[in-house]
C-alpha atoms as a PDB file:
ATOM      1  CA  UNK A   1      -3.267 -15.762  -0.267  1.00  0.00           C
ATOM      2  CA  UNK A   2      -3.258 -15.536   3.490  1.00  0.00           C
ATOM      3  CA  UNK A   3       0.523 -15.191   3.351  1.00  0.00           C
ATOM      4  CA  UNK A   4       0.236 -12.279   0.897  1.00  0.00           C
ATOM      5  CA  UNK A   5      -2.371 -10.607   3.127  1.00  0.00           C
ATOM      6  CA  UNK A   6      -0.160 -11.074   6.190  1.00  0.00           C
ATOM      7  CA  UNK A   7       2.862  -9.770   4.292  1.00  0.00           C
ATOM      8  CA  UNK A   8       0.970  -6.590   3.373  1.00  0.00           C
ATOM      9  CA  UNK A   9      -0.285  -6.135   6.929  1.00  0.00           C
ATOM     10  CA  UNK A  10       3.282  -6.385   8.233  1.00  0.00           C
ATOM     11  CA  UNK A  11       4.879  -4.164   5.562  1.00  0.00           C
ATOM     12  CA  UNK A  12       2.215  -1.642   4.448  1.00  0.00           C
ATOM     13  CA  UNK A  13       4.081   1.246   6.100  1.00  0.00           C
ATOM     14  CA  UNK A  14       7.125   0.506   3.915  1.00  0.00           C
ATOM     15  CA  UNK A  15       7.385   1.202   0.201  1.00  0.00           C
ATOM     16  CA  UNK A  16       6.258  -2.155  -1.224  1.00  0.00           C
ATOM     17  CA  UNK A  17       5.142  -3.284  -4.632  1.00  0.00           C
ATOM     18  CA  UNK A  18       3.471  -6.371  -5.999  1.00  0.00           C
ATOM     19  CA  UNK A  19       6.952  -7.427  -7.192  1.00  0.00           C
ATOM     20  CA  UNK A  20       8.275  -7.246  -3.627  1.00  0.00           C
ATOM     21  CA  UNK A  21       5.410  -9.331  -2.281  1.00  0.00           C
ATOM     22  CA  UNK A  22       5.745 -11.979  -4.962  1.00  0.00           C
ATOM     23  CA  UNK A  23       9.536 -12.138  -4.754  1.00  0.00           C
ATOM     24  CA  UNK A  24       9.500 -12.553  -0.972  1.00  0.00           C
ATOM     25  CA  UNK A  25       6.730 -15.166  -1.081  1.00  0.00           C
ATOM     26  CA  UNK A  26       8.010 -16.995  -4.159  1.00  0.00           C
ATOM     27  CA  UNK A  27       4.764 -16.533  -6.093  1.00  0.00           C
ATOM     28  CA  UNK A  28       3.963 -15.165  -9.541  1.00  0.00           C
ATOM     29  CA  UNK A  29       2.586 -11.650  -9.893  1.00  0.00           C
ATOM     30  CA  UNK A  30      -0.368 -12.679 -12.008  1.00  0.00           C
ATOM     31  CA  UNK A  31      -1.344 -15.431  -9.573  1.00  0.00           C
ATOM     32  CA  UNK A  32      -1.166 -13.127  -6.555  1.00  0.00           C
ATOM     33  CA  UNK A  33      -2.958 -10.257  -8.290  1.00  0.00           C
ATOM     34  CA  UNK A  34      -5.885 -12.331  -9.529  1.00  0.00           C
ATOM     35  CA  UNK A  35      -6.272 -14.637  -6.547  1.00  0.00           C
ATOM     36  CA  UNK A  36      -5.943 -11.827  -4.004  1.00  0.00           C
ATOM     37  CA  UNK A  37      -8.621  -9.759  -5.722  1.00  0.00           C
ATOM     38  CA  UNK A  38     -10.909 -12.787  -6.036  1.00  0.00           C
ATOM     39  CA  UNK A  39     -10.520 -13.512  -2.303  1.00  0.00           C
ATOM     40  CA  UNK A  40     -10.734 -10.012  -0.838  1.00  0.00           C
ATOM     41  CA  UNK A  41     -12.267  -7.874  -3.546  1.00  0.00           C
ATOM     42  CA  UNK A  42      -9.207  -5.597  -3.662  1.00  0.00           C
ATOM     43  CA  UNK A  43      -5.912  -5.718  -5.466  1.00  0.00           C
ATOM     44  CA  UNK A  44      -2.886  -6.194  -3.196  1.00  0.00           C
ATOM     45  CA  UNK A  45      -1.933  -2.525  -3.557  1.00  0.00           C
ATOM     46  CA  UNK A  46      -5.493  -1.352  -2.843  1.00  0.00           C
ATOM     47  CA  UNK A  47      -5.405  -3.507   0.268  1.00  0.00           C
ATOM     48  CA  UNK A  48      -2.093  -1.934   1.333  1.00  0.00           C
ATOM     49  CA  UNK A  49      -3.666   1.517   0.986  1.00  0.00           C
ATOM     50  CA  UNK A  50      -6.658   0.409   3.040  1.00  0.00           C
ATOM     51  CA  UNK A  51      -4.262  -0.797   5.750  1.00  0.00           C
ATOM     52  CA  UNK A  52      -2.492   2.575   5.741  1.00  0.00           C
ATOM     53  CA  UNK A  53      -5.733   4.520   6.021  1.00  0.00           C
ATOM     54  CA  UNK A  54      -7.129   2.192   8.688  1.00  0.00           C
ATOM     55  CA  UNK A  55      -4.022   2.570  10.830  1.00  0.00           C
ATOM     56  CA  UNK A  56      -4.100   6.333  10.273  1.00  0.00           C
ATOM     57  CA  UNK A  57      -7.701   6.416  11.536  1.00  0.00           C
ATOM     58  CA  UNK A  58      -6.672   4.522  14.670  1.00  0.00           C
ATOM     59  CA  UNK A  59      -3.752   6.876  15.288  1.00  0.00           C
ATOM     60  CA  UNK A  60      -5.882   9.968  14.694  1.00  0.00           C
ATOM     61  CA  UNK A  61      -8.373   8.793  17.310  1.00  0.00           C
ATOM     62  CA  UNK A  62      -5.997   7.374  19.905  1.00  0.00           C
ATOM     63  CA  UNK A  63      -2.911   9.617  19.802  1.00  0.00           C
ATOM     64  CA  UNK A  64      -1.900  13.244  19.698  1.00  0.00           C
ATOM     65  CA  UNK A  65       0.628  12.733  16.893  1.00  0.00           C
ATOM     66  CA  UNK A  66       0.456  15.437  14.251  1.00  0.00           C
ATOM     67  CA  UNK A  67      -1.118  14.584  10.931  1.00  0.00           C
ATOM     68  CA  UNK A  68       2.308  14.899   9.310  1.00  0.00           C
ATOM     69  CA  UNK A  69       3.761  12.374  11.772  1.00  0.00           C
ATOM     70  CA  UNK A  70       0.869   9.979  11.200  1.00  0.00           C
ATOM     71  CA  UNK A  71       1.233  10.276   7.429  1.00  0.00           C
ATOM     72  CA  UNK A  72       4.900   9.278   7.742  1.00  0.00           C
ATOM     73  CA  UNK A  73       4.176   6.507  10.244  1.00  0.00           C
ATOM     74  CA  UNK A  74       1.750   4.784   7.884  1.00  0.00           C
ATOM     75  CA  UNK A  75       4.025   5.107   4.868  1.00  0.00           C
ATOM     76  CA  UNK A  76       3.182   8.308   3.000  1.00  0.00           C
ATOM     77  CA  UNK A  77       6.109  10.470   1.905  1.00  0.00           C
ATOM     78  CA  UNK A  78       4.024  13.630   1.609  1.00  0.00           C
ATOM     79  CA  UNK A  79       1.229  14.869   3.839  1.00  0.00           C
ATOM     80  CA  UNK A  80      -0.571  16.263   0.795  1.00  0.00           C
ATOM     81  CA  UNK A  81      -0.762  12.785  -0.765  1.00  0.00           C
ATOM     82  CA  UNK A  82      -1.929  11.364   2.559  1.00  0.00           C
ATOM     83  CA  UNK A  83      -4.646  14.035   2.837  1.00  0.00           C
ATOM     84  CA  UNK A  84      -5.865  13.387  -0.717  1.00  0.00           C
ATOM     85  CA  UNK A  85      -5.961   9.620  -0.185  1.00  0.00           C
ATOM     86  CA  UNK A  86      -7.656   9.947   3.200  1.00  0.00           C
ATOM     87  CA  UNK A  87     -10.365  12.228   1.791  1.00  0.00           C
ATOM     88  CA  UNK A  88     -10.907   9.863  -1.138  1.00  0.00           C
ATOM     89  CA  UNK A  89     -11.284   6.814   1.118  1.00  0.00           C
ATOM     90  CA  UNK A  90     -12.958   8.297   4.215  1.00  0.00           C
ATOM     91  CA  UNK A  91     -14.807  11.262   2.761  1.00  0.00           C
ATOM     92  CA  UNK A  92     -13.367  13.927   5.064  1.00  0.00           C
ATOM     93  CA  UNK A  93      -9.922  15.304   5.873  1.00  0.00           C
ATOM     94  CA  UNK A  94      -7.792  13.720   8.598  1.00  0.00           C
ATOM     95  CA  UNK A  95      -8.170  16.797  10.801  1.00  0.00           C
ATOM     96  CA  UNK A  96     -11.982  16.757  10.487  1.00  0.00           C
ATOM     97  CA  UNK A  97     -11.998  13.017  11.141  1.00  0.00           C
ATOM     98  CA  UNK A  98      -9.989  13.523  14.339  1.00  0.00           C
ATOM     99  CA  UNK A  99     -12.186  16.403  15.466  1.00  0.00           C
ATOM    100  CA  UNK A 100     -15.412  14.469  14.768  1.00  0.00           C
ATOM    101  CA  UNK A 101     -14.213  11.375  16.635  1.00  0.00           C
ATOM    102  CA  UNK A 102     -13.038  13.322  19.647  1.00  0.00           C
ATOM    103  CA  UNK A 103     -16.275  15.307  19.927  1.00  0.00           C
ATOM    104  CA  UNK A 104     -18.411  12.194  20.380  1.00  0.00           C
END
């Protein structure tokens, strides 16, 4: 499963699916899905989303890129979807997150 984790970490900013991961690694979908979740506690696609949000947090803190640019950089097609996902995972909007981190 380390190869699946590495694959996601290298490709999370691209549109990927469990089929893509399994095809490129030569593994079955059911094997990857179950084993990955058993190992990490997340499905492969949940892990990919966590990678996107984690990278977005880093970019929000360390760069002056706009939120729209960051959303695109981490693989979201629409800023609105990025904002919704960020709020769901982090608890605040990307702009509030940036403001809070910079005011420390």
